[in-house]
C-alpha atoms as a PDB file:
ATOM      1  CA  UNK A   1     -14.511 -38.658   0.579  1.00  0.00           C
ATOM      2  CA  UNK A   2     -12.721 -35.647  -0.843  1.00  0.00           C
ATOM      3  CA  UNK A   3     -15.837 -34.237  -2.466  1.00  0.00           C
ATOM      4  CA  UNK A   4     -17.327 -32.695   0.667  1.00  0.00           C
ATOM      5  CA  UNK A   5     -18.105 -28.997   0.534  1.00  0.00           C
ATOM      6  CA  UNK A   6     -15.935 -28.282   3.584  1.00  0.00           C
ATOM      7  CA  UNK A   7     -12.920 -30.028   2.083  1.00  0.00           C
ATOM      8  CA  UNK A   8     -13.305 -28.214  -1.236  1.00  0.00           C
ATOM      9  CA  UNK A   9     -13.528 -24.836   0.502  1.00  0.00           C
ATOM     10  CA  UNK A  10     -10.490 -25.511   2.710  1.00  0.00           C
ATOM     11  CA  UNK A  11      -8.475 -26.745  -0.275  1.00  0.00           C
ATOM     12  CA  UNK A  12      -9.471 -23.699  -2.320  1.00  0.00           C
ATOM     13  CA  UNK A  13      -8.542 -21.316   0.478  1.00  0.00           C
ATOM     14  CA  UNK A  14      -5.220 -23.104   0.943  1.00  0.00           C
ATOM     15  CA  UNK A  15      -4.532 -22.729  -2.785  1.00  0.00           C
ATOM     16  CA  UNK A  16      -5.494 -19.042  -2.577  1.00  0.00           C
ATOM     17  CA  UNK A  17      -3.199 -18.570   0.402  1.00  0.00           C
ATOM     18  CA  UNK A  18      -0.254 -20.086  -1.482  1.00  0.00           C
ATOM     19  CA  UNK A  19      -1.024 -17.893  -4.498  1.00  0.00           C
ATOM     20  CA  UNK A  20      -1.309 -14.823  -2.261  1.00  0.00           C
ATOM     21  CA  UNK A  21       2.130 -15.570  -0.811  1.00  0.00           C
ATOM     22  CA  UNK A  22       3.545 -15.361  -4.340  1.00  0.00           C
ATOM     23  CA  UNK A  23       1.664 -12.130  -5.070  1.00  0.00           C
ATOM     24  CA  UNK A  24       2.827 -10.490  -1.837  1.00  0.00           C
ATOM     25  CA  UNK A  25       6.406 -11.646  -2.427  1.00  0.00           C
ATOM     26  CA  UNK A  26       6.251 -10.097  -5.889  1.00  0.00           C
ATOM     27  CA  UNK A  27       5.008  -6.856  -4.327  1.00  0.00           C
ATOM     28  CA  UNK A  28       8.008  -6.869  -1.993  1.00  0.00           C
ATOM     29  CA  UNK A  29      10.417  -7.600  -4.804  1.00  0.00           C
ATOM     30  CA  UNK A  30       9.070  -4.607  -6.728  1.00  0.00           C
ATOM     31  CA  UNK A  31       8.592  -2.219  -3.820  1.00  0.00           C
ATOM     32  CA  UNK A  32      11.021   0.317  -5.279  1.00  0.00           C
ATOM     33  CA  UNK A  33      10.101  -0.217  -8.937  1.00  0.00           C
ATOM     34  CA  UNK A  34       8.760   3.021 -10.385  1.00  0.00           C
ATOM     35  CA  UNK A  35       5.153   2.680 -11.538  1.00  0.00           C
ATOM     36  CA  UNK A  36       4.634  -0.765 -10.027  1.00  0.00           C
ATOM     37  CA  UNK A  37       1.085  -1.319  -8.814  1.00  0.00           C
ATOM     38  CA  UNK A  38       0.700  -3.711  -5.895  1.00  0.00           C
ATOM     39  CA  UNK A  39      -1.588  -6.696  -6.269  1.00  0.00           C
ATOM     40  CA  UNK A  40      -3.482  -8.809  -3.798  1.00  0.00           C
ATOM     41  CA  UNK A  41      -6.091 -11.557  -3.598  1.00  0.00           C
ATOM     42  CA  UNK A  42      -9.506 -10.974  -2.027  1.00  0.00           C
ATOM     43  CA  UNK A  43     -10.179 -13.948   0.261  1.00  0.00           C
ATOM     44  CA  UNK A  44     -13.800 -12.894   0.738  1.00  0.00           C
ATOM     45  CA  UNK A  45     -14.354 -13.270  -2.987  1.00  0.00           C
ATOM     46  CA  UNK A  46     -12.582 -16.639  -3.080  1.00  0.00           C
ATOM     47  CA  UNK A  47     -14.591 -17.929  -0.121  1.00  0.00           C
ATOM     48  CA  UNK A  48     -17.885 -16.715  -1.575  1.00  0.00           C
ATOM     49  CA  UNK A  49     -17.269 -18.384  -4.913  1.00  0.00           C
ATOM     50  CA  UNK A  50     -16.066 -21.624  -3.332  1.00  0.00           C
ATOM     51  CA  UNK A  51     -19.069 -21.831  -1.008  1.00  0.00           C
ATOM     52  CA  UNK A  52     -21.550 -21.078  -3.787  1.00  0.00           C
ATOM     53  CA  UNK A  53     -19.942 -23.569  -6.158  1.00  0.00           C
ATOM     54  CA  UNK A  54     -20.373 -21.253  -9.162  1.00  0.00           C
ATOM     55  CA  UNK A  55     -16.906 -21.954 -10.579  1.00  0.00           C
ATOM     56  CA  UNK A  56     -16.832 -24.523 -13.400  1.00  0.00           C
ATOM     57  CA  UNK A  57     -15.433 -27.828 -12.125  1.00  0.00           C
ATOM     58  CA  UNK A  58     -12.938 -28.175 -14.979  1.00  0.00           C
ATOM     59  CA  UNK A  59     -11.508 -24.771 -14.104  1.00  0.00           C
ATOM     60  CA  UNK A  60     -10.561 -25.822 -10.592  1.00  0.00           C
ATOM     61  CA  UNK A  61      -9.443 -23.260  -8.034  1.00  0.00           C
ATOM     62  CA  UNK A  62      -7.204 -21.379 -10.464  1.00  0.00           C
ATOM     63  CA  UNK A  63     -10.052 -19.488 -12.117  1.00  0.00           C
ATOM     64  CA  UNK A  64     -11.589 -18.590  -8.781  1.00  0.00           C
ATOM     65  CA  UNK A  65      -8.267 -17.248  -7.529  1.00  0.00           C
ATOM     66  CA  UNK A  66      -7.599 -15.377 -10.775  1.00  0.00           C
ATOM     67  CA  UNK A  67     -10.979 -13.632 -10.506  1.00  0.00           C
ATOM     68  CA  UNK A  68     -10.202 -12.666  -6.897  1.00  0.00           C
ATOM     69  CA  UNK A  69      -6.889 -11.062  -7.847  1.00  0.00           C
ATOM     70  CA  UNK A  70      -6.952  -7.288  -7.967  1.00  0.00           C
ATOM     71  CA  UNK A  71      -4.690  -4.263  -8.259  1.00  0.00           C
ATOM     72  CA  UNK A  72      -4.404  -1.923  -5.305  1.00  0.00           C
ATOM     73  CA  UNK A  73      -3.116   1.599  -5.854  1.00  0.00           C
ATOM     74  CA  UNK A  74      -2.362   2.239  -2.193  1.00  0.00           C
ATOM     75  CA  UNK A  75       1.207   3.150  -1.323  1.00  0.00           C
ATOM     76  CA  UNK A  76       3.332   0.155  -0.447  1.00  0.00           C
ATOM     77  CA  UNK A  77       5.630   0.181   2.529  1.00  0.00           C
ATOM     78  CA  UNK A  78       7.975  -2.539   3.649  1.00  0.00           C
ATOM     79  CA  UNK A  79       6.142  -2.781   6.972  1.00  0.00           C
ATOM     80  CA  UNK A  80       2.669  -3.108   5.434  1.00  0.00           C
ATOM     81  CA  UNK A  81       3.755  -5.789   2.972  1.00  0.00           C
ATOM     82  CA  UNK A  82       5.626  -7.748   5.650  1.00  0.00           C
ATOM     83  CA  UNK A  83       2.558  -7.537   7.869  1.00  0.00           C
ATOM     84  CA  UNK A  84       0.389  -8.905   5.061  1.00  0.00           C
ATOM     85  CA  UNK A  85       2.901 -11.718   4.468  1.00  0.00           C
ATOM     86  CA  UNK A  86       2.806 -12.650   8.161  1.00  0.00           C
ATOM     87  CA  UNK A  87      -1.002 -12.525   8.224  1.00  0.00           C
ATOM     88  CA  UNK A  88      -1.146 -14.733   5.152  1.00  0.00           C
ATOM     89  CA  UNK A  89       1.362 -17.159   6.659  1.00  0.00           C
ATOM     90  CA  UNK A  90      -0.760 -17.517   9.786  1.00  0.00           C
ATOM     91  CA  UNK A  91      -3.891 -18.064   7.679  1.00  0.00           C
ATOM     92  CA  UNK A  92      -2.064 -20.763   5.709  1.00  0.00           C
ATOM     93  CA  UNK A  93      -0.941 -22.543   8.887  1.00  0.00           C
ATOM     94  CA  UNK A  94      -4.504 -22.555  10.232  1.00  0.00           C
ATOM     95  CA  UNK A  95      -5.869 -23.919   6.965  1.00  0.00           C
ATOM     96  CA  UNK A  96      -3.263 -26.681   6.855  1.00  0.00           C
ATOM     97  CA  UNK A  97      -4.088 -27.568  10.454  1.00  0.00           C
ATOM     98  CA  UNK A  98      -7.807 -27.679   9.608  1.00  0.00           C
ATOM     99  CA  UNK A  99      -7.093 -29.959   6.633  1.00  0.00           C
ATOM    100  CA  UNK A 100      -5.040 -32.197   8.931  1.00  0.00           C
ATOM    101  CA  UNK A 101      -8.002 -32.487  11.308  1.00  0.00           C
ATOM    102  CA  UNK A 102     -10.240 -33.330   8.356  1.00  0.00           C
ATOM    103  CA  UNK A 103      -7.918 -36.212   7.403  1.00  0.00           C
ATOM    104  CA  UNK A 104      -7.726 -37.396  11.019  1.00  0.00           C
ATOM    105  CA  UNK A 105     -11.524 -37.583  11.185  1.00  0.00           C
ATOM    106  CA  UNK A 106     -11.672 -39.496   7.909  1.00  0.00           C
ATOM    107  CA  UNK A 107      -9.007 -41.914   9.172  1.00  0.00           C
ATOM    108  CA  UNK A 108     -10.962 -42.538  12.377  1.00  0.00           C
ATOM    109  CA  UNK A 109     -14.149 -43.073  10.420  1.00  0.00           C
ATOM    110  CA  UNK A 110     -12.438 -45.619   8.196  1.00  0.00           C
ATOM    111  CA  UNK A 111     -10.931 -47.418  11.201  1.00  0.00           C
ATOM    112  CA  UNK A 112     -14.333 -47.665  12.875  1.00  0.00           C
ATOM    113  CA  UNK A 113     -15.919 -48.874   9.656  1.00  0.00           C
ATOM    114  CA  UNK A 114     -13.205 -51.515   9.140  1.00  0.00           C
ATOM    115  CA  UNK A 115     -13.594 -52.966  12.619  1.00  0.00           C
END
């Protein structure tokens, strides 16, 4: 039931979104640290790897997310980092909602099958 491609991709993107929240929070915490280089996670890379299934199964989503992490030498501002945090928060909420719908559909399918 939980081995469908769609579920794996949504779970991986949700994991990446949670990890990105930590990365962006770390960027904010170090915004005035001299020499600090901001980091981010490339969702396009995460999505591509999850959809292709090239990540080793024993590695889980952690390896995929680690490979998608990169350093960005652009200048950080409070506004840009807060905007990225908000964007990431909205993405996370949508993913959680999509996972909820997935579980609702599975529940309905099981109810129909049981009757």
